[in-house]
Each structure stands twice: as C-alpha cells, then as structure tokens.
Amino acid sequence: MIEAQETGGSYMDRIEKSGEKYKQLFGDGVPAAYATDPDFQDILSRFIFGEVFHQGSLDDKQRELITLVVLTTNQTLPQLKAHVHAALNVGLTPIEIKEAVYQCAPYIGFPKTLNAIAETNEVLKARNIALPLESQKRVEEDNRFEQGLAVQVEIFGDIIAKNRENAPANQRHIQDDLSAFCFGDFYTRGGLELKTRELLTLCIVSALGGAENQVKAHVSGNLNVGHDKETMIAAITHCLPDMGFPRTLNALHCINEIIPEK
C-alpha cells in the first residue's frame, strides 16, 4: 500500500487549519452545502482552506486578490460575492478589490467585468462603503497611449517594438489598442502596484484556458517586474481550486518552459 504524503502536517492539522482559515475569511457561518452535500463540502474546505491556502509564501491579501480575479474570469459570481466579503475581512481596501476586478476587463471583456462589478458593489453597499470610490485614473486622453506603451516596455522590453513593427498594416490598430487600453487605461491606474497587476494578469490568462502564448508572455513579464518562479508557482497553485487541474497544469508547463527547472 502506498502511503500518501500529507501536505503541511497530519490529517488533523488539515482539518484544524481549514476551520481556522474559513472562520478568518468568512466568520462563524456554516457553508450551506453541509445541509445537502456534507462529503463534498468537507473535500472542498479541507483542500482549499486546509492545504492550498498554506502552500507557498503568498499572504492572505495576495491570495484573496488572486481568488477575486479567477472567480471574475470564470464568472462564478455567487462565490465572487463571498470572497469580496473575505477580501475585506483580511484587510484589503475597497479600492484594491475594485482595481483587481477592473484588471480583468482587457482579458475577459466588458460584459463579464460589469457582472463582477455589480456583485462587488452589492457587497460594498452592504458593508456601508460609499460609492463611487476615489478615482484611480492616472492618464488623460492625450497621453494614455504613450503612458501605456511605456508600461508595456517596462514589463516586456524590446519585444514590444518588434511586435509593433511586425504587425500587418491592417492590424496595427490592435497594437495601438493594446498599448492605450490594456496598459494605458488599466495598468497605469493607482490602487495596486505594477507587480501585483502583473501577477494577477498571469492568473487571469491562466484561468481563461487556451491562452498559453499569453501565459508565457506574462511569465516573462512577471520575471521582469521582480517575481521569481516560486511566487508564480504559488499563485497558480492558489488558482487550482477555482480553475481545475487542466488549466493549472497548462500554466505550470508554461512557467517551466520559460524558467526551466535546474
């Protein structure tokens, strides 16, 4: 008989850690699934809150930001609402939460992002947080392209100029839109530092599935802004319960391709 290696200590440690972490995030309530599907809820709670939350060196604020963007990407909106509460409970500010959701827009589109914003706003209103929040806009109409392009180059380096030069004439507007919209309108905003935005983007494109070229690009981007391989592995591991093994393994393959194991 093969003995399983239990991550993070004994089986009892996993159960105790799960209970403590759940209470920290969500309070004293009991998940509704225990009334109908207790076995499934035990598997879920012990894996997510007893194991995954304790793997790697990310803090709880980073973990909740990652959870928010993956749930937004997946449009699992009831769970998103619960984790907006959890994000506030671990000390994230309303601005940090909103900025994480906004960061998803260039990758998942406006309609899905608006769905997530609506759920987020319901929680903020329930917590008596006045809306709208303070603007985090840092660009104007006449400089959003230049500012966005500067951020792109900071993250990705010389490849940006090559991509722009190699784009066919009838597709160059897409490169302009990428610079002005994705990076000018979003990456330049306040509320989250550049390193955080780039790590969240890696999680977003990993959760999408089928975007492995973009995953690899953002692995390189994360390296360039100062994240090491272990941080990226920890981030993708934290995505696992919300996006499943296939997309997690694909993302890890991309990380290993860009940063081979020694």
Protein backbone atom coordinates (compact mmCIF):
# COMPACT_ATOMS: atom_id res chain seq x y z
CA MET A 1 0.00 0.00 0.00
CA ILE A 2 1.37 3.40 -0.98
CA GLU A 3 1.22 5.97 1.81
CA ALA A 4 0.08 9.43 0.80
CA GLN A 5 2.24 12.33 1.87
CA GLU A 6 0.02 14.84 3.62
CA THR A 7 0.89 18.45 2.76
CA GLY A 8 1.53 20.71 5.75
CA GLY A 9 1.37 18.11 8.55
CA SER A 10 -1.09 15.49 9.80
CA TYR A 11 -4.62 14.90 8.59
CA MET A 12 -5.93 16.51 11.78
CA ASP A 13 -3.76 19.57 11.05
CA ARG A 14 -5.52 19.88 7.70
CA ILE A 15 -8.95 19.83 9.32
CA GLU A 16 -7.97 22.30 12.02
CA LYS A 17 -6.30 24.65 9.54
CA SER A 18 -9.38 24.50 7.35
CA GLY A 19 -11.67 25.53 10.17
CA GLU A 20 -9.41 28.35 11.33
CA LYS A 21 -8.91 29.77 7.85
CA TYR A 22 -12.59 29.57 6.96
CA LYS A 23 -13.52 31.45 10.12
CA GLN A 24 -10.90 34.12 9.39
CA LEU A 25 -12.24 34.65 5.89
CA PHE A 26 -15.98 34.23 6.33
CA GLY A 27 -16.78 34.38 10.04
CA ASP A 28 -18.71 31.86 12.12
CA GLY A 29 -21.25 30.82 9.50
CA VAL A 30 -21.56 27.25 8.23
CA PRO A 31 -21.48 26.64 4.45
CA ALA A 32 -24.96 25.90 3.14
CA ALA A 33 -23.68 22.80 1.31
CA TYR A 34 -23.24 21.00 4.64
CA ALA A 35 -27.04 20.61 4.79
CA THR A 36 -27.21 18.78 1.46
CA ASP A 37 -23.71 17.70 0.40
CA PRO A 38 -21.54 17.36 3.51
CA ASP A 39 -19.00 14.99 1.96
CA PHE A 40 -18.37 17.33 -0.95
CA GLN A 41 -18.10 20.36 1.35
CA ASP A 42 -15.55 18.53 3.52
CA ILE A 43 -13.42 17.74 0.47
CA LEU A 44 -13.67 21.34 -0.73
CA SER A 45 -12.99 23.02 2.60
CA ARG A 46 -10.12 20.82 3.65
CA PHE A 47 -8.38 21.10 0.28
CA ILE A 48 -8.84 24.84 -0.25
CA PHE A 49 -8.61 26.17 3.30
CA GLY A 50 -6.57 23.38 4.88
CA GLU A 51 -4.00 22.92 2.12
CA VAL A 52 -3.94 25.41 -0.75
CA PHE A 53 -4.10 28.48 1.47
CA HIS A 54 -0.95 27.26 3.22
CA GLN A 55 1.16 26.39 0.16
CA GLY A 56 3.77 28.92 -0.93
CA SER A 57 4.69 32.27 0.55
CA LEU A 58 1.75 34.44 -0.56
CA ASP A 59 -0.06 36.36 2.15
CA ASP A 60 -3.83 36.32 2.59
CA LYS A 61 -4.30 39.64 0.79
CA GLN A 62 -2.48 38.35 -2.30
CA ARG A 63 -4.47 35.11 -2.15
CA GLU A 64 -7.80 36.90 -2.00
CA LEU A 65 -6.88 39.19 -4.89
CA ILE A 66 -5.98 36.11 -6.94
CA THR A 67 -9.24 34.44 -5.97
CA LEU A 68 -11.22 37.53 -6.98
CA VAL A 69 -9.74 37.69 -10.48
CA VAL A 70 -10.10 33.97 -11.14
CA LEU A 71 -13.73 33.98 -9.97
CA THR A 72 -14.35 37.04 -12.15
CA THR A 73 -12.74 35.33 -15.14
CA ASN A 74 -14.82 32.20 -14.57
CA GLN A 75 -17.99 34.25 -13.88
CA THR A 76 -18.64 32.25 -10.72
CA LEU A 77 -20.48 35.21 -9.27
CA PRO A 78 -22.01 33.81 -6.05
CA GLN A 79 -18.54 32.74 -4.94
CA LEU A 80 -17.13 36.11 -6.03
CA LYS A 81 -19.56 37.89 -3.74
CA ALA A 82 -18.49 35.71 -0.81
CA HIS A 83 -14.83 36.41 -1.49
CA VAL A 84 -15.37 40.17 -1.70
CA HIS A 85 -16.52 39.87 1.91
CA ALA A 86 -13.47 37.71 2.66
CA ALA A 87 -11.15 40.19 0.96
CA LEU A 88 -12.44 42.97 3.20
CA ASN A 89 -12.12 40.69 6.22
CA VAL A 90 -8.40 40.10 5.58
CA GLY A 91 -7.71 43.81 5.22
CA LEU A 92 -7.90 44.59 1.51
CA THR A 93 -9.30 48.03 0.78
CA PRO A 94 -12.36 48.59 -1.41
CA ILE A 95 -10.08 50.28 -3.95
CA GLU A 96 -7.75 47.28 -4.12
CA ILE A 97 -10.72 44.97 -4.61
CA LYS A 98 -12.26 47.11 -7.34
CA GLU A 99 -8.93 47.51 -9.13
CA ALA A 100 -8.42 43.74 -9.19
CA VAL A 101 -11.82 43.29 -10.82
CA TYR A 102 -11.18 46.14 -13.29
CA GLN A 103 -7.85 44.50 -14.24
CA CYS A 104 -9.79 41.60 -15.76
CA ALA A 105 -11.53 43.71 -18.42
CA PRO A 106 -8.89 43.59 -21.21
CA TYR A 107 -8.78 39.78 -20.99
CA ILE A 108 -12.41 38.75 -20.41
CA GLY A 109 -14.25 41.72 -21.96
CA PHE A 110 -16.55 44.39 -20.59
CA PRO A 111 -19.80 42.40 -20.10
CA LYS A 112 -18.27 39.82 -17.76
CA THR A 113 -16.35 42.51 -15.90
CA LEU A 114 -19.54 44.52 -15.44
CA ASN A 115 -21.21 41.40 -14.00
CA ALA A 116 -18.42 41.13 -11.45
CA ILE A 117 -18.54 44.85 -10.66
CA ALA A 118 -22.26 44.58 -9.93
CA GLU A 119 -21.67 41.74 -7.46
CA THR A 120 -18.79 43.62 -5.85
CA ASN A 121 -20.88 46.77 -5.47
CA GLU A 122 -23.63 44.83 -3.71
CA VAL A 123 -21.14 43.73 -1.07
CA LEU A 124 -19.63 47.19 -0.67
CA LYS A 125 -23.08 48.73 -0.23
CA ALA A 126 -23.99 46.04 2.30
CA ARG A 127 -20.83 46.94 4.22
CA ASN A 128 -21.84 50.65 4.15
CA ILE A 129 -18.97 51.65 1.85
CA ALA A 130 -19.90 54.72 -0.17
CA LEU A 131 -19.73 54.55 -3.95
CA PRO A 132 -18.19 55.62 -6.22
CA LEU A 133 -14.76 55.15 -4.75
CA GLU A 134 -11.97 57.67 -5.23
CA SER A 135 -10.80 57.70 -8.84
CA GLN A 136 -7.54 55.89 -9.54
CA LYS A 137 -7.21 57.26 -13.08
CA ARG A 138 -3.63 58.31 -13.91
CA VAL A 139 -3.81 59.07 -17.65
CA GLU A 140 -5.62 61.53 -19.90
CA GLU A 141 -6.93 61.24 -23.44
CA ASP A 142 -3.81 62.82 -24.91
CA ASN A 143 -1.27 60.58 -23.12
CA ARG A 144 -2.94 57.21 -22.46
CA PHE A 145 -1.19 55.64 -25.46
CA GLU A 146 2.27 56.93 -24.54
CA GLN A 147 1.87 56.06 -20.87
CA GLY A 148 0.56 52.61 -21.72
CA LEU A 149 3.36 51.94 -24.17
CA ALA A 150 5.90 52.94 -21.52
CA VAL A 151 4.41 50.42 -19.08
CA GLN A 152 4.43 47.72 -21.76
CA VAL A 153 8.11 48.30 -22.44
CA GLU A 154 8.85 48.30 -18.70
CA ILE A 155 7.21 44.89 -18.37
CA PHE A 156 8.17 43.19 -21.64
CA GLY A 157 11.18 45.08 -23.01
CA ASP A 158 12.26 45.22 -26.66
CA ILE A 159 9.72 42.67 -27.87
CA ILE A 160 7.04 45.39 -27.85
CA ALA A 161 8.80 47.42 -30.55
CA LYS A 162 9.28 44.26 -32.62
CA ASN A 163 5.60 43.33 -32.29
CA ARG A 164 4.57 46.78 -33.44
CA GLU A 165 6.98 46.73 -36.40
CA ASN A 166 5.88 43.25 -37.49
CA ALA A 167 2.14 43.88 -37.30
CA PRO A 168 0.44 43.95 -40.74
CA ALA A 169 -0.87 47.39 -41.69
CA ASN A 170 -4.49 46.33 -41.34
CA GLN A 171 -3.83 45.08 -37.79
CA ARG A 172 -1.66 47.82 -36.32
CA HIS A 173 -4.67 49.35 -34.61
CA ILE A 174 -4.78 46.26 -32.38
CA GLN A 175 -1.25 47.00 -31.19
CA ASP A 176 -2.28 50.61 -30.54
CA ASP A 177 -5.36 49.45 -28.65
CA LEU A 178 -3.28 47.07 -26.58
CA SER A 179 -0.96 49.88 -25.52
CA ALA A 180 -3.59 52.53 -24.90
CA PHE A 181 -6.41 50.39 -23.49
CA CYS A 182 -4.91 47.41 -21.68
CA PHE A 183 -1.81 49.15 -20.39
CA GLY A 184 -2.76 52.84 -20.57
CA ASP A 185 -6.27 52.65 -19.15
CA PHE A 186 -5.64 49.87 -16.63
CA TYR A 187 -2.00 49.13 -15.78
CA THR A 188 -1.30 52.81 -15.05
CA ARG A 189 -4.11 53.11 -12.50
CA GLY A 190 -3.49 53.61 -8.81
CA GLY A 191 -4.68 51.26 -6.09
CA LEU A 192 -2.45 48.31 -7.00
CA GLU A 193 1.27 48.34 -7.70
CA LEU A 194 2.58 47.16 -11.06
CA LYS A 195 3.98 43.91 -9.65
CA THR A 196 0.58 42.99 -8.26
CA ARG A 197 -1.23 43.78 -11.50
CA GLU A 198 1.19 41.63 -13.49
CA LEU A 199 0.82 38.68 -11.12
CA LEU A 200 -2.96 38.98 -11.29
CA THR A 201 -2.82 39.09 -15.09
CA LEU A 202 -0.85 35.84 -15.11
CA CYS A 203 -3.65 34.27 -13.09
CA ILE A 204 -6.36 35.74 -15.33
CA VAL A 205 -4.88 34.46 -18.59
CA SER A 206 -4.14 31.09 -16.97
CA ALA A 207 -7.76 30.79 -15.87
CA LEU A 208 -9.04 31.60 -19.37
CA GLY A 209 -7.70 28.40 -20.87
CA GLY A 210 -6.40 28.30 -24.44
CA ALA A 211 -4.24 31.38 -23.88
CA GLU A 212 -0.90 29.66 -23.38
CA ASN A 213 1.00 32.13 -25.58
CA GLN A 214 -0.22 34.93 -23.35
CA VAL A 215 0.57 32.91 -20.22
CA LYS A 216 4.17 32.51 -21.38
CA ALA A 217 4.42 36.22 -22.19
CA HIS A 218 3.22 37.11 -18.71
CA VAL A 219 5.58 34.63 -17.08
CA SER A 220 8.36 36.65 -18.71
CA GLY A 221 6.62 39.86 -17.65
CA ASN A 222 6.46 38.71 -14.06
CA LEU A 223 10.16 37.92 -14.10
CA ASN A 224 10.88 41.39 -15.44
CA VAL A 225 8.91 43.14 -12.69
CA GLY A 226 10.60 41.13 -9.94
CA HIS A 227 8.58 37.98 -9.27
CA ASP A 228 10.52 34.72 -9.03
CA LYS A 229 9.41 31.30 -10.19
CA GLU A 230 8.31 30.19 -6.74
CA THR A 231 5.95 33.16 -6.43
CA MET A 232 4.40 32.32 -9.79
CA ILE A 233 4.01 28.66 -8.84
CA ALA A 234 2.36 29.72 -5.57
CA ALA A 235 -0.03 31.99 -7.47
CA ILE A 236 -1.01 29.29 -9.98
CA THR A 237 -1.38 26.77 -7.16
CA HIS A 238 -3.78 29.14 -5.47
CA CYS A 239 -5.82 29.27 -8.69
CA LEU A 240 -6.16 25.47 -8.77
CA PRO A 241 -9.38 25.03 -6.75
CA ASP A 242 -11.16 27.63 -8.88
CA MET A 243 -9.91 26.71 -12.37
CA GLY A 244 -9.15 22.97 -12.07
CA PHE A 245 -6.15 20.81 -12.86
CA PRO A 246 -6.04 21.05 -16.69
CA ARG A 247 -5.58 24.82 -16.75
CA THR A 248 -3.30 24.69 -13.72
CA LEU A 249 -1.04 22.09 -15.34
CA ASN A 250 -1.02 24.05 -18.61
CA ALA A 251 0.05 27.19 -16.75
CA LEU A 252 2.77 25.31 -14.87
CA HIS A 253 4.02 23.93 -18.19
CA CYS A 254 4.29 27.50 -19.48
CA ILE A 255 6.21 28.56 -16.37
CA ASN A 256 8.60 25.63 -16.74
CA GLU A 257 9.10 26.37 -20.43
CA ILE A 258 10.13 29.96 -19.71
CA ILE A 259 12.00 29.16 -16.48
CA PRO A 260 13.30 25.57 -16.72
CA GLU A 261 13.98 23.63 -13.55
CA LYS A 262 17.67 23.49 -12.74
